[in-house]
N, C-alpha and C. Protein backbone atom coordinates (compact mmCIF):
# COMPACT_ATOMS: atom_id res chain seq x y z
N MET A 1 72.83 1.82 -21.87
CA MET A 1 73.62 0.69 -22.72
C MET A 1 72.59 0.70 -23.59
N LYS A 2 72.15 -0.42 -22.66
CA LYS A 2 71.09 -1.13 -23.03
C LYS A 2 69.33 -0.81 -24.33
N GLY A 3 69.87 0.51 -23.49
CA GLY A 3 68.12 1.12 -24.04
C GLY A 3 68.53 1.29 -26.04
N LYS A 4 70.16 1.87 -26.02
CA LYS A 4 71.22 1.57 -27.51
C LYS A 4 70.02 0.44 -28.31
N TYR A 5 70.65 -0.56 -27.26
CA TYR A 5 70.91 -1.85 -28.39
C TYR A 5 69.19 -2.03 -28.47
N TYR A 6 68.13 -1.95 -27.34
CA TYR A 6 66.52 -1.70 -27.49
C TYR A 6 66.35 -0.89 -28.91
N ILE A 7 66.70 0.35 -28.66
CA ILE A 7 66.25 1.15 -30.06
C ILE A 7 66.76 0.57 -31.38
N LEU A 8 67.91 -0.38 -31.76
CA LEU A 8 67.64 -0.73 -32.16
C LEU A 8 67.13 -1.81 -33.07
N CYS A 9 67.25 -2.50 -32.30
CA CYS A 9 66.36 -3.82 -32.45
C CYS A 9 64.99 -3.29 -33.27
N VAL A 10 64.51 -2.59 -31.94
CA VAL A 10 62.68 -2.17 -32.66
C VAL A 10 63.18 -1.27 -33.72
N VAL A 11 63.90 -0.59 -34.31
CA VAL A 11 64.26 -0.06 -35.46
C VAL A 11 63.95 -1.30 -36.72
N LEU A 12 65.10 -2.14 -36.84
CA LEU A 12 64.82 -2.86 -37.22
C LEU A 12 63.96 -4.14 -37.35
N ALA A 13 63.08 -4.58 -36.60
CA ALA A 13 61.89 -4.85 -36.45
C ALA A 13 60.51 -4.31 -37.61
N MET A 14 60.98 -3.36 -37.56
CA MET A 14 59.88 -1.78 -37.96
C MET A 14 59.93 -2.46 -39.65
N ILE A 15 61.34 -2.46 -39.88
CA ILE A 15 61.53 -2.44 -41.24
C ILE A 15 61.56 -3.89 -42.01
N CYS A 16 62.03 -4.47 -41.28
CA CYS A 16 61.54 -6.06 -41.71
C CYS A 16 60.36 -6.35 -41.46
N PHE A 17 59.02 -5.93 -40.78
CA PHE A 17 57.76 -6.68 -40.72
C PHE A 17 57.09 -5.18 -41.47
N VAL A 18 57.60 -4.79 -42.56
CA VAL A 18 56.73 -3.96 -43.41
C VAL A 18 55.93 -5.54 -43.99
N PRO A 19 55.04 -5.00 -44.56
CA PRO A 19 53.98 -6.22 -44.94
C PRO A 19 54.53 -6.46 -46.76
N ARG A 20 54.62 -7.45 -47.03
CA ARG A 20 55.47 -7.85 -48.07
C ARG A 20 54.37 -7.69 -49.35
N GLY A 21 53.80 -7.74 -49.31
CA GLY A 21 52.18 -6.77 -50.59
C GLY A 21 52.70 -5.30 -50.52
N LEU A 22 52.79 -4.70 -49.51
CA LEU A 22 53.19 -3.61 -49.81
C LEU A 22 54.21 -3.23 -50.05
N ALA A 23 55.69 -3.64 -49.80
CA ALA A 23 56.45 -3.58 -49.91
C ALA A 23 56.86 -3.32 -51.54
N GLN A 24 56.71 -4.75 -51.88
CA GLN A 24 56.93 -5.54 -53.53
C GLN A 24 55.79 -3.77 -54.13
N ARG A 25 55.04 -3.25 -54.25
CA ARG A 25 54.37 -2.36 -55.17
C ARG A 25 55.15 -1.63 -56.16
N GLY A 26 56.02 -0.67 -54.64
CA GLY A 26 55.80 0.65 -55.19
C GLY A 26 57.60 0.73 -55.26
N LYS A 27 57.94 2.04 -55.44
CA LYS A 27 59.17 2.14 -55.97
C LYS A 27 60.03 2.57 -54.81
N SER A 28 61.18 2.62 -54.12
CA SER A 28 62.12 2.59 -53.50
C SER A 28 63.31 4.05 -53.33
N GLU A 29 63.62 4.58 -52.62
CA GLU A 29 65.01 5.06 -52.73
C GLU A 29 65.06 5.25 -51.35
N ILE A 30 66.75 5.67 -51.27
CA ILE A 30 67.68 5.86 -50.67
C ILE A 30 68.10 6.81 -51.14
N ALA A 31 67.96 7.97 -49.56
CA ALA A 31 68.88 9.08 -49.82
C ALA A 31 69.90 9.56 -48.48
N LEU A 32 70.47 10.01 -49.10
CA LEU A 32 71.61 10.29 -48.35
C LEU A 32 72.19 12.04 -47.78
N GLY A 33 71.77 12.49 -46.82
CA GLY A 33 72.06 14.30 -46.58
C GLY A 33 72.76 14.61 -45.68
N TYR A 34 72.73 16.42 -45.66
CA TYR A 34 74.21 17.10 -44.22
C TYR A 34 73.02 17.89 -43.94
N GLY A 35 72.44 18.23 -42.68
CA GLY A 35 72.19 19.39 -42.17
C GLY A 35 72.44 20.07 -41.39
N TYR A 36 72.52 21.55 -41.69
CA TYR A 36 73.04 22.66 -40.74
C TYR A 36 71.93 23.07 -39.38
N TYR A 37 72.43 23.26 -38.18
CA TYR A 37 71.56 24.04 -37.74
C TYR A 37 70.36 23.56 -37.35
N SER A 38 70.96 22.01 -36.50
CA SER A 38 69.50 21.30 -35.73
C SER A 38 69.06 21.57 -34.66
N ASP A 39 67.90 21.32 -35.02
CA ASP A 39 67.42 21.79 -33.10
C ASP A 39 68.15 21.89 -32.14
N TYR A 40 69.05 20.54 -31.96
CA TYR A 40 69.37 20.50 -30.80
C TYR A 40 70.84 21.76 -30.49
N SER A 41 71.34 21.85 -31.12
CA SER A 41 72.39 23.19 -31.84
C SER A 41 71.58 24.68 -31.38
N LEU A 42 70.38 24.74 -31.91
CA LEU A 42 69.76 25.61 -31.26
C LEU A 42 69.41 25.62 -29.95
N VAL A 43 68.57 25.20 -29.80
CA VAL A 43 68.31 24.61 -28.24
C VAL A 43 69.76 25.65 -27.23
N ASN A 44 70.79 24.48 -27.83
CA ASN A 44 71.92 24.66 -27.15
C ASN A 44 73.33 25.66 -26.88
N GLY A 45 72.60 26.86 -27.67
CA GLY A 45 73.30 27.89 -28.14
C GLY A 45 74.30 27.47 -28.79
N ALA A 46 75.11 26.36 -29.19
CA ALA A 46 76.11 25.92 -29.47
C ALA A 46 77.04 26.52 -30.72
N PRO A 47 77.84 27.37 -30.95
CA PRO A 47 78.21 27.56 -32.52
C PRO A 47 78.53 26.53 -33.25
N PHE A 48 78.19 27.23 -34.59
CA PHE A 48 78.37 26.33 -35.68
C PHE A 48 79.80 25.65 -35.57
N SER A 49 80.32 26.19 -35.37
CA SER A 49 81.95 24.97 -34.84
C SER A 49 82.09 24.20 -33.99
N ALA A 50 81.40 24.27 -33.11
CA ALA A 50 80.99 23.00 -31.99
C ALA A 50 80.53 22.06 -32.63
N SER A 51 79.44 21.79 -33.70
CA SER A 51 78.42 20.92 -34.11
C SER A 51 79.25 20.00 -35.57
N SER A 52 78.86 19.08 -35.42
CA SER A 52 79.47 18.35 -36.49
C SER A 52 78.42 18.32 -37.52
N GLY A 53 77.25 19.08 -37.70
CA GLY A 53 76.42 18.95 -38.71
C GLY A 53 75.46 17.58 -38.05
N ALA A 54 74.65 17.37 -39.45
CA ALA A 54 73.79 16.09 -38.85
C ALA A 54 74.06 15.36 -40.49
N PRO A 55 74.78 14.64 -40.70
CA PRO A 55 74.15 13.86 -41.65
C PRO A 55 73.03 12.74 -41.22
N VAL A 56 72.13 12.42 -42.46
CA VAL A 56 70.98 11.51 -42.04
C VAL A 56 71.12 10.33 -43.59
N LEU A 57 70.24 9.16 -42.87
CA LEU A 57 70.76 8.36 -44.48
C LEU A 57 68.83 7.82 -43.73
N THR A 58 69.03 7.68 -45.42
CA THR A 58 66.78 7.62 -45.30
C THR A 58 66.42 6.82 -46.44
N TYR A 59 65.30 6.04 -45.68
CA TYR A 59 64.46 5.12 -46.98
C TYR A 59 63.39 5.77 -46.89
N ARG A 60 63.05 5.67 -48.01
CA ARG A 60 61.54 6.07 -48.17
C ARG A 60 60.73 5.11 -49.85
N TYR A 61 59.54 5.01 -49.41
CA TYR A 61 58.60 3.56 -49.99
C TYR A 61 58.12 4.75 -50.70
N TYR A 62 57.61 4.77 -52.19
CA TYR A 62 56.53 5.82 -52.38
C TYR A 62 54.85 4.47 -52.38
N ILE A 63 54.31 4.76 -52.08
CA ILE A 63 53.30 4.85 -51.16
C ILE A 63 52.06 5.00 -52.68
N ASN A 64 52.32 6.63 -53.34
CA ASN A 64 51.51 6.18 -54.41
C ASN A 64 52.91 7.42 -54.87
N LYS A 65 51.99 7.94 -56.14
CA LYS A 65 52.85 8.83 -56.83
C LYS A 65 53.28 10.04 -56.22
N ASN A 66 52.10 10.34 -54.62
CA ASN A 66 52.86 11.99 -54.05
C ASN A 66 52.89 11.74 -52.75
N VAL A 67 53.15 10.48 -52.11
CA VAL A 67 53.18 10.43 -50.89
C VAL A 67 54.30 8.78 -50.48
N THR A 68 54.97 9.20 -49.86
CA THR A 68 56.19 8.37 -49.50
C THR A 68 55.87 8.10 -47.30
N ILE A 69 56.46 6.82 -47.43
CA ILE A 69 56.67 6.60 -46.07
C ILE A 69 58.11 6.36 -46.14
N GLY A 70 58.71 6.37 -44.78
CA GLY A 70 60.06 6.29 -44.60
C GLY A 70 60.68 6.03 -43.51
N MET A 71 62.33 5.33 -43.26
CA MET A 71 62.83 5.81 -42.00
C MET A 71 63.78 7.04 -42.36
N GLY A 72 64.23 7.60 -41.06
CA GLY A 72 65.34 8.59 -41.12
C GLY A 72 66.29 8.15 -39.82
N ILE A 73 67.66 8.05 -40.19
CA ILE A 73 68.50 7.51 -38.87
C ILE A 73 70.02 8.89 -39.21
N GLY A 74 69.63 9.74 -38.48
CA GLY A 74 70.61 10.94 -38.09
C GLY A 74 71.30 11.45 -36.95
N TYR A 75 72.65 11.17 -37.38
CA TYR A 75 73.00 11.83 -35.60
C TYR A 75 73.84 13.40 -35.92
N GLU A 76 74.25 13.40 -35.10
CA GLU A 76 74.83 15.43 -34.21
C GLU A 76 76.00 14.34 -33.76
N ASN A 77 77.09 15.31 -33.39
CA ASN A 77 77.86 15.55 -32.39
C ASN A 77 78.16 17.01 -32.13
N ILE A 78 77.69 17.62 -30.79
CA ILE A 78 77.56 19.29 -30.06
C ILE A 78 79.06 19.11 -29.43
N ARG A 79 80.38 19.09 -29.74
CA ARG A 79 81.75 18.89 -28.69
C ARG A 79 81.38 19.74 -27.29
N THR A 80 80.24 20.58 -27.27
CA THR A 80 80.45 21.48 -25.65
C THR A 80 79.03 20.92 -25.32
N TRP A 81 78.51 19.65 -26.04
CA TRP A 81 76.99 19.33 -24.79
C TRP A 81 77.24 17.87 -25.01
N GLY A 82 76.51 16.63 -26.23
CA GLY A 82 77.01 15.70 -26.65
C GLY A 82 76.29 14.99 -27.82
N SER A 83 76.22 13.67 -27.74
CA SER A 83 76.24 12.99 -29.31
C SER A 83 74.62 12.58 -28.85
N PHE A 84 74.21 12.64 -30.71
CA PHE A 84 72.61 12.64 -30.65
C PHE A 84 72.22 11.48 -32.22
N LEU A 85 71.43 10.37 -31.55
CA LEU A 85 71.46 9.20 -32.65
C LEU A 85 69.95 9.35 -32.57
N THR A 86 69.46 10.03 -33.34
CA THR A 86 67.78 9.87 -33.84
C THR A 86 67.69 8.59 -35.05
N PHE A 87 66.32 8.08 -34.12
CA PHE A 87 65.50 7.27 -35.12
C PHE A 87 63.91 7.93 -35.63
N ALA A 88 63.93 7.95 -36.50
CA ALA A 88 62.83 8.68 -36.72
C ALA A 88 61.60 7.86 -38.33
N PRO A 89 60.51 7.73 -37.75
CA PRO A 89 59.96 7.25 -39.02
C PRO A 89 59.65 8.47 -40.15
N GLU A 90 59.41 8.60 -41.01
CA GLU A 90 58.85 9.68 -41.93
C GLU A 90 58.08 10.01 -42.87
N MET A 91 56.97 10.70 -43.39
CA MET A 91 56.15 10.84 -44.79
C MET A 91 55.86 12.16 -45.59
N THR A 92 56.42 11.93 -46.39
CA THR A 92 56.25 13.08 -47.77
C THR A 92 55.01 12.84 -48.63
N PHE A 93 54.92 14.96 -48.77
CA PHE A 93 54.31 14.42 -49.32
C PHE A 93 54.21 15.58 -50.62
N CYS A 94 54.52 14.92 -51.72
CA CYS A 94 54.74 16.20 -53.30
C CYS A 94 53.02 17.00 -52.77
N TYR A 95 53.21 18.33 -53.64
CA TYR A 95 52.67 19.35 -54.20
C TYR A 95 53.12 20.10 -55.20
N LEU A 96 54.03 19.63 -55.64
CA LEU A 96 54.36 19.59 -57.33
C LEU A 96 54.94 18.87 -57.59
N ASP A 97 55.07 18.44 -58.97
CA ASP A 97 55.37 17.69 -59.67
C ASP A 97 55.66 17.35 -61.21
N THR A 98 56.57 17.44 -61.70
CA THR A 98 56.99 17.65 -62.86
C THR A 98 57.24 16.75 -63.88
N ARG A 99 56.64 15.46 -63.63
CA ARG A 99 56.77 14.67 -63.84
C ARG A 99 57.19 13.94 -65.94
N HIS A 100 56.31 15.09 -66.33
CA HIS A 100 56.11 15.22 -67.36
C HIS A 100 57.57 15.89 -68.32
N ASP A 101 57.81 16.93 -67.80
CA ASP A 101 58.80 17.66 -68.36
C ASP A 101 60.08 16.95 -68.75
N LEU A 102 61.44 17.54 -69.80
CA LEU A 102 62.29 16.48 -69.26
C LEU A 102 63.41 16.93 -68.47
N ILE A 103 63.35 18.04 -67.53
CA ILE A 103 64.13 17.78 -65.75
C ILE A 103 63.17 18.05 -65.23
N ARG A 104 62.95 16.71 -64.32
CA ARG A 104 61.66 16.43 -63.53
C ARG A 104 62.03 17.36 -62.15
N VAL A 105 61.00 18.26 -61.13
CA VAL A 105 61.33 19.12 -60.03
C VAL A 105 59.87 18.24 -59.88
N ARG A 106 59.93 18.14 -57.62
CA ARG A 106 59.30 17.75 -57.04
C ARG A 106 59.36 19.13 -55.51
N LEU A 107 58.01 19.56 -55.60
CA LEU A 107 58.51 20.52 -54.89
C LEU A 107 57.55 19.57 -53.55
N TYR A 108 57.62 19.43 -52.13
CA TYR A 108 57.34 18.13 -51.28
C TYR A 108 57.55 19.05 -49.99
N GLY A 109 56.62 18.32 -48.95
CA GLY A 109 56.45 18.40 -47.49
C GLY A 109 57.02 17.71 -46.47
N LYS A 110 57.88 16.91 -45.50
CA LYS A 110 57.52 16.15 -44.67
C LYS A 110 57.75 16.87 -43.45
N ILE A 111 57.40 15.32 -42.67
CA ILE A 111 57.01 15.10 -41.26
C ILE A 111 57.69 13.90 -40.71
N ALA A 112 58.62 14.37 -39.14
CA ALA A 112 59.13 12.63 -39.46
C ALA A 112 59.03 12.62 -37.25
N TYR A 113 58.94 12.02 -37.64
CA TYR A 113 59.21 11.82 -35.82
C TYR A 113 59.07 10.50 -34.67
N GLY A 114 60.47 10.73 -34.03
CA GLY A 114 61.28 9.12 -33.47
C GLY A 114 61.77 8.93 -32.48
N VAL A 115 62.52 8.90 -31.98
CA VAL A 115 62.98 8.82 -30.99
C VAL A 115 64.95 9.07 -31.27
N THR A 116 65.39 9.87 -30.06
CA THR A 116 67.21 9.71 -29.91
C THR A 116 67.28 9.38 -29.22
N ILE A 117 68.49 9.18 -29.28
CA ILE A 117 69.50 8.98 -28.03
C ILE A 117 70.57 9.86 -27.63
N PHE A 118 70.57 10.35 -26.60
CA PHE A 118 71.52 10.94 -26.31
C PHE A 118 72.60 10.58 -25.02
N ASP A 119 73.79 11.09 -25.52
CA ASP A 119 74.76 10.39 -24.99
C ASP A 119 75.69 11.36 -24.31
N ASP A 120 75.74 12.11 -22.91
CA ASP A 120 76.62 12.78 -22.68
C ASP A 120 77.96 12.87 -22.83
N LEU A 121 78.71 13.88 -23.00
CA LEU A 121 80.20 13.69 -23.80
C LEU A 121 81.09 14.58 -22.71
N ASN A 122 80.37 15.59 -21.33
CA ASN A 122 80.81 16.14 -20.87
C ASN A 122 80.80 15.78 -19.58
N ARG A 123 81.11 14.19 -18.95
CA ARG A 123 80.80 13.86 -18.32
C ARG A 123 82.17 14.40 -17.22
N ALA A 124 82.23 14.99 -16.00
CA ALA A 124 83.41 14.99 -14.66
C ALA A 124 83.67 13.37 -14.70
N PRO A 125 84.97 13.05 -14.17
CA PRO A 125 85.14 12.27 -13.74
C PRO A 125 84.15 11.80 -12.21
N GLY A 126 83.67 10.57 -12.37
CA GLY A 126 83.04 10.48 -10.80
C GLY A 126 81.86 10.43 -10.81
N ALA A 127 81.82 11.83 -12.35
CA ALA A 127 79.95 12.32 -11.51
C ALA A 127 79.07 11.08 -12.10
N ALA A 128 78.18 11.63 -12.13
CA ALA A 128 76.98 10.78 -12.32
C ALA A 128 76.64 10.11 -13.68
N ASP A 129 76.10 9.28 -14.89
CA ASP A 129 76.25 8.91 -16.47
C ASP A 129 74.93 9.50 -16.38
N ARG A 130 74.85 10.66 -17.11
CA ARG A 130 73.36 11.45 -17.06
C ARG A 130 73.52 10.70 -18.87
N SER A 131 74.01 9.81 -19.75
CA SER A 131 73.51 9.03 -20.79
C SER A 131 72.31 8.72 -20.77
N GLY A 132 72.28 8.50 -21.75
CA GLY A 132 71.31 7.67 -22.40
C GLY A 132 69.68 7.27 -22.74
N PRO A 133 69.05 9.22 -21.99
CA PRO A 133 67.63 9.40 -21.95
C PRO A 133 67.43 9.38 -22.93
N TRP A 134 66.34 9.03 -23.40
CA TRP A 134 65.39 8.82 -25.27
C TRP A 134 65.03 10.32 -24.71
N LEU A 135 65.05 10.92 -25.57
CA LEU A 135 64.11 12.24 -25.93
C LEU A 135 63.72 12.19 -27.23
N TYR A 136 62.65 12.74 -27.21
CA TYR A 136 61.86 12.93 -28.88
C TYR A 136 62.39 13.73 -30.22
N GLY A 137 62.62 12.80 -31.24
CA GLY A 137 63.46 13.13 -32.04
C GLY A 137 62.46 13.56 -33.64
N PHE A 138 62.42 14.89 -34.19
CA PHE A 138 60.74 15.14 -34.75
C PHE A 138 61.88 16.24 -36.27
N GLN A 139 61.38 16.15 -36.83
CA GLN A 139 61.66 17.18 -37.96
C GLN A 139 60.43 17.41 -39.27
N GLY A 140 59.95 19.06 -39.11
CA GLY A 140 59.01 19.21 -40.18
C GLY A 140 59.43 20.20 -41.17
N THR A 141 59.11 19.72 -42.61
CA THR A 141 60.03 20.28 -43.43
C THR A 141 58.93 20.94 -44.17
N PRO A 142 58.24 22.38 -44.10
CA PRO A 142 57.34 22.76 -45.27
C PRO A 142 58.09 23.05 -46.59
N LEU A 143 58.90 23.03 -46.88
CA LEU A 143 59.59 23.26 -48.11
C LEU A 143 60.98 22.07 -48.53
N GLY A 144 60.57 21.34 -49.47
CA GLY A 144 61.80 20.24 -49.73
C GLY A 144 61.50 20.42 -51.72
N ILE A 145 62.57 20.56 -52.18
CA ILE A 145 62.74 20.43 -53.68
C ILE A 145 64.14 19.11 -54.03
N ARG A 146 63.46 18.48 -54.62
CA ARG A 146 63.75 17.74 -55.04
C ARG A 146 63.98 17.86 -57.57
N ILE A 147 65.25 17.54 -57.72
CA ILE A 147 65.59 17.55 -59.13
C ILE A 147 66.35 16.58 -59.54
N GLY A 148 65.24 15.77 -59.99
CA GLY A 148 66.12 14.95 -61.04
C GLY A 148 65.34 13.64 -60.71
N ARG A 149 65.25 12.33 -61.31
CA ARG A 149 64.63 11.13 -62.07
C ARG A 149 65.42 9.58 -60.81
N GLN A 150 66.21 9.66 -61.72
CA GLN A 150 66.77 8.09 -60.86
C GLN A 150 67.58 8.36 -59.63
N VAL A 151 68.12 9.39 -60.29
CA VAL A 151 69.47 9.96 -59.21
C VAL A 151 69.13 11.50 -59.23
N ALA A 152 69.03 12.47 -57.92
CA ALA A 152 68.42 13.58 -58.25
C ALA A 152 69.10 14.31 -56.51
N TYR A 153 69.02 15.23 -56.82
CA TYR A 153 69.79 16.33 -56.05
C TYR A 153 68.67 16.56 -55.04
N PHE A 154 68.40 17.08 -53.62
CA PHE A 154 67.43 17.47 -52.68
C PHE A 154 68.17 18.78 -52.05
N ALA A 155 66.77 19.72 -51.69
CA ALA A 155 67.28 20.57 -50.47
C ALA A 155 66.39 20.90 -49.66
N GLU A 156 66.43 20.86 -48.29
CA GLU A 156 64.85 20.98 -48.30
C GLU A 156 65.43 22.03 -46.69
N VAL A 157 64.12 23.06 -46.01
CA VAL A 157 64.48 24.54 -45.64
C VAL A 157 63.29 24.03 -44.17
N GLY A 158 63.65 22.77 -43.15
CA GLY A 158 62.63 22.88 -42.27
C GLY A 158 63.46 23.04 -40.55
N PHE A 159 62.75 22.53 -39.27
CA PHE A 159 63.00 22.67 -38.37
C PHE A 159 63.57 20.95 -37.67
N GLY A 160 64.37 20.63 -37.39
CA GLY A 160 64.39 19.25 -36.52
C GLY A 160 65.56 19.09 -36.24
N TYR A 161 65.75 17.62 -36.52
CA TYR A 161 67.02 16.78 -36.36
C TYR A 161 67.87 17.01 -37.37
N GLU A 162 67.32 17.22 -38.73
CA GLU A 162 68.28 17.10 -39.78
C GLU A 162 68.99 18.80 -40.31
N GLY A 163 68.25 19.48 -39.62
CA GLY A 163 68.48 21.23 -39.46
C GLY A 163 67.79 22.09 -40.19
N LEU A 164 68.38 23.22 -39.82
CA LEU A 164 67.41 24.50 -40.65
C LEU A 164 67.74 23.88 -42.03
N ILE A 165 68.81 23.49 -43.04
CA ILE A 165 69.00 23.56 -44.00
C ILE A 165 69.65 22.19 -44.02
N HIS A 166 69.01 21.37 -44.98
CA HIS A 166 68.88 19.94 -44.99
C HIS A 166 69.82 19.80 -46.60
N THR A 167 70.61 19.07 -47.12
CA THR A 167 70.74 18.23 -48.44
C THR A 167 71.19 17.46 -48.87
N GLY A 168 71.28 16.92 -50.54
CA GLY A 168 72.12 15.78 -50.65
C GLY A 168 71.72 15.17 -51.65
N ILE A 169 71.76 13.93 -51.89
CA ILE A 169 71.91 12.76 -53.04
C ILE A 169 70.34 11.75 -52.66
N ALA A 170 69.56 11.73 -53.76
CA ALA A 170 68.80 10.82 -53.31
C ALA A 170 68.74 9.66 -54.31
N LEU A 171 68.86 8.18 -54.60
CA LEU A 171 68.70 7.26 -55.54
C LEU A 171 67.22 6.27 -55.35
N ARG A 172 66.73 6.72 -56.65
CA ARG A 172 65.69 5.57 -57.05
C ARG A 172 66.48 4.13 -56.88
N VAL A 173 66.19 2.95 -56.08
CA VAL A 173 66.54 1.79 -56.44
C VAL A 173 65.38 0.94 -56.64
N PRO A 174 65.53 0.22 -57.89
CA PRO A 174 64.41 -0.68 -59.09
C PRO A 174 64.12 -1.68 -57.75
N ASN A 175 62.92 -2.03 -58.26
CA ASN A 175 61.96 -2.88 -57.74
C ASN A 175 62.64 -4.25 -58.36
N VAL A 176 63.25 -5.07 -57.51
CA VAL A 176 63.98 -5.96 -58.25
C VAL A 176 63.26 -7.48 -58.01
N LEU A 177 61.93 -7.16 -56.80
CA LEU A 177 61.66 -8.55 -57.22
C LEU A 177 59.96 -8.55 -58.21
N LYS A 178 59.83 -7.00 -58.01
CA LYS A 178 58.67 -7.20 -59.59
C LYS A 178 59.21 -7.44 -60.95
N GLN A 179 60.86 -6.74 -61.09
CA GLN A 179 61.25 -7.30 -62.22
C GLN A 179 61.53 -8.81 -62.25
N HIS A 180 62.27 -9.56 -61.07
CA HIS A 180 62.54 -10.71 -61.29
C HIS A 180 60.93 -11.53 -61.49
N ARG A 181 60.13 -11.31 -60.46
CA ARG A 181 58.81 -11.79 -61.62
C ARG A 181 58.25 -12.01 -62.91
N ASN A 182 58.33 -10.22 -63.34
CA ASN A 182 58.32 -10.02 -64.73
C ASN A 182 59.17 -11.23 -65.39
N VAL A 183 60.62 -11.04 -65.27
CA VAL A 183 61.41 -12.23 -66.22
C VAL A 183 60.75 -13.28 -66.36
N GLU A 184 60.15 -14.07 -65.09
CA GLU A 184 59.99 -15.53 -65.37
C GLU A 184 58.88 -15.62 -65.47
N GLU A 185 57.63 -14.97 -65.54
CA GLU A 185 56.28 -14.88 -66.34
C GLU A 185 56.62 -14.67 -67.60
N LYS A 186 57.66 -14.20 -68.29
CA LYS A 186 57.81 -14.01 -70.25
C LYS A 186 58.43 -15.79 -70.78
């Protein structure tokens, strides 16, 4: 149990200590997605009905128009095995962007690598607690598509904690600090 709190503190510290000059220049995005057939369910051989699927919350910061860095938090519960909570820093790279067209389409790839906290749900009464080992969580996505501008739909095909198929909604959030500074200057 102590390990879960330690991981949470490390993740929060990583988010809080992003250099202020860097965090204020670009755009940010929050994405909420749901994945099917994660690597944990495939390794366990669990039927699809035994898995909760993999809901994932992601924050991304645009370093430039083609590269983002961010943090993904995903959860999956496999009732025949256990639950998995993953914290993974990620990086995406856009290799096609139709930003000047009426409908914006971005094709991108993504890599994420972090830690997963495993909680064994199938412990027999009186048996040793095998919960809490830290596993490595990863996601490799060679093909992702994002359709839209401020609010966008995305779909990804890859392998890892987010699943073989991952889909959801992304919302670009305005840089409030930059807008506030522009208003004060006028």
